[in-house]
Amino acid sequence: MEAVKLEIRCPQMVNGIGLEPDPDWSFKSLLLELDSLEKKLNLSSSVSLPFAKTKSREIYGEKGTKRSSNAFVMRVSDEEFEDSEGENEKVRDRDLVKAARFNCNEFYFSSDDDSDDQPCLDVQTLMNEVGLVESALYELTHEHQLGVKEEIRNTISALETDLMNESEKSSSAHTKVEKYREARREVERKFDVQYQRRVAEGLDNHLTAVQRDHELKSQIEERKIRSDAAHEEAKRREKALQEERLRQEKAKAEAELQAKLKAEEANRAALEAERIAAKEAAEKEAAKSSKANTSEVPQTEASGGPNATSSRVENDKTNKSELAGNMLRAAESALKLERERLQKLKELEEINQSLRSSSNQNFDRTGRLIGRLIRQISGNKDKVSTQASELVKIFNNPHCPQTISIAYFAQKVVSNCESPSHSAFACAHVIVLVTSQFPQAMDLVLAEIHRACIYTVPKHISYTKSAFESKEAYWKVIGYKEDDGKIESTTDYLVRLESYMKLYGALVQWQTEVAGCQNVHGLKEGWAWLARFLNALPANMYTAVALYAFLQMAGFALFRKYRSQFMKMLNFISENFLNALRSQDDPDLRPITSKIQCYLEDKLFLQEPEGRTLHSSLLSNNMAPESDYHGPYHQQSRHFY
């Protein structure tokens, strides 16, 4: 560098090579200059130089990547220049090629002389010059490396600065997120508090509404209770008025009947007085004639007198009583109850007849209405209650006398037994519900049943030629129907007998099962019927069918109530009644005998009969009528006992 500072005039070019490079050369220009120098040296020397290059120099980065040879500008301060100069001196000392200081005094150069006429430099001089170039190149490379390192340090510092900035930004963002999260928590807490407050308010409103609803329901219930009480009171008063009206009508009818009886009694008294007067006149006439002929025997004595006549009448009565006792088989208590019930029915019919005659109103519409309600009875609990309520309303109807309504009810409920869709248990349930409010109707219903079927008494009438003109007359007495002068068949009669006995059995078995109602003709009467039946009635076709139908309907309830006592009854039936049927050796009796035997052996009385429990849903379309007997005994049998 000192040589550069000296103001020595020396040749500027040697063999076309500049001795002093341009201080403002770029790195690319420097490389081009070195390449041109190498080419010229190769051309000027006949011996190939060891450092001769066949291609231009290429610069590679630290990682082996090829770098561009574009120019670069290096700016260095004086202090840095001095430091770098000292470092260059050290490098030169370590360099393998010893570079000699270039001295212009060793040559004579003249700017005026032509360069072509000067001798060529020797090889050593050229090598020294090349060493200087390489040293300069090394210095430039080292400086470039230092610059690159400085750039790397600057880049790293910038990256560290950016990293710190990003870290600060991240911390700031994290802080903002935490603040936002805390704010959200606070907002959510406020929302929760607000929601809980709303829930509490809603719950309070709901409880208030429920309490208000309960109070309203309580008020409605109270009003309903008061209304029901008022309705019951009005109903009680109306019932009292009806009873009073009925009592007055009955008293009036009884008064009329008494008047009629008194009139008849007066007529009989008048007739008796006339008879007595005629008798007295005859006696007087006889006394006169006796005076005329005292020796003649009195006519009364010759003929036996009044005592003889009275004796013959008594004998006739005795003979008829013995004959009736042989035909009629029944317990005296049963016959007495039958007479009482039939008498009540007869009195009711007389009262109704007088009411119809004294009133211009037609009560047939009430009878049709009652008949329709009874026909609509099915095995549905709600239907049974509805029909019973409607019938009670009809009984309380002031436009129709209660006696007429009850008479229609008794007639229709018994005649409905012959219907194929008849439900015995449901019909008996309706009877119990109605008669629990009108107990006087039970005896009338039973009287109608006794009139329709004598085995509900129970009683049996045997056939004797001396008592009946013909078998048709006997059949009419025991209940056969006559249609157009023709008596129904035994099959049809047994079917009706069975239906009446099923109704009676279903009626007596209702007791505590009917809630809130009292059956005035319950199991006690059913037990009495069975005892009277087995004690008085003979074993034959009619009594066997009646007994089996009764056991089918009432056996379950009788066993639950009487247990061992009922088992004794069944043992009596097995040992006596069935043996009596078998001893007759009648083929027509075998089916019914087998049915009763199966009932006893299979203990069917332990099973609740079908239809006894009323359903809560409408099953009237699915309910089949009670099974009928279709055995040989339903044919035209003519066996009587």
Foldseek 3Di string as FASTA:
>chain_A
DVVVVDPDDFDQAAQNQGPDDDPPDFQLVLQVSVLVVLVSVCVVDPDDDPPRDDDGDWDADPVGHTDDRDGDDDDDDPVRVVVLVVVLVVVQVVDPDNADDDDRVVDHHDPVDDNVPDDHDDPVVVSNSVVVSVSVVVSVVVVVVVVVVVVVVVVVVVVVVVVVVVVVVVVVVVVVVVVVVVVVVVVVVVVVVVVVVVVVVVVVVVVVVVVVVVVVVVVVVVVVVVVVVVVVVVVVVLVVVLVVVLVVLLVVLVVVVVVVVVVVVVVVVVVVVVVVVVVVVVVVVVVVVCVVPVPDDDPQVVVPHPVVVVVVVVVVVVVVVVVQVVFKWFDPVLVVLLVVLLVVLVSLVSSVVVVPVVDPDDCVVLLVVLLVLLLPFDLAPVSLVVSLVVLLVSCSDPVDRNSVSLLSNLQNLLVCLLPQLDQLLSSLLSVQSNCLVVVVSVSNNLNSLCVQACCLSPMGGFDDVVVDVDVVRVCVVRHFDADPNRTDFLLSVLQSLLSSLLNSLSNQLDAVVNPPTGRPRHVVVVVVSLVRLLVTPAADDSSLSSVLSNCLRNLLSNCVVPPPVVVVSLVCCVVPNLVRLVVVVDVLSVVSSVSSVCCSVVVCSNPHHPSNNRHNDDCSVVDGGDDGDDDPNSGRDDDTD
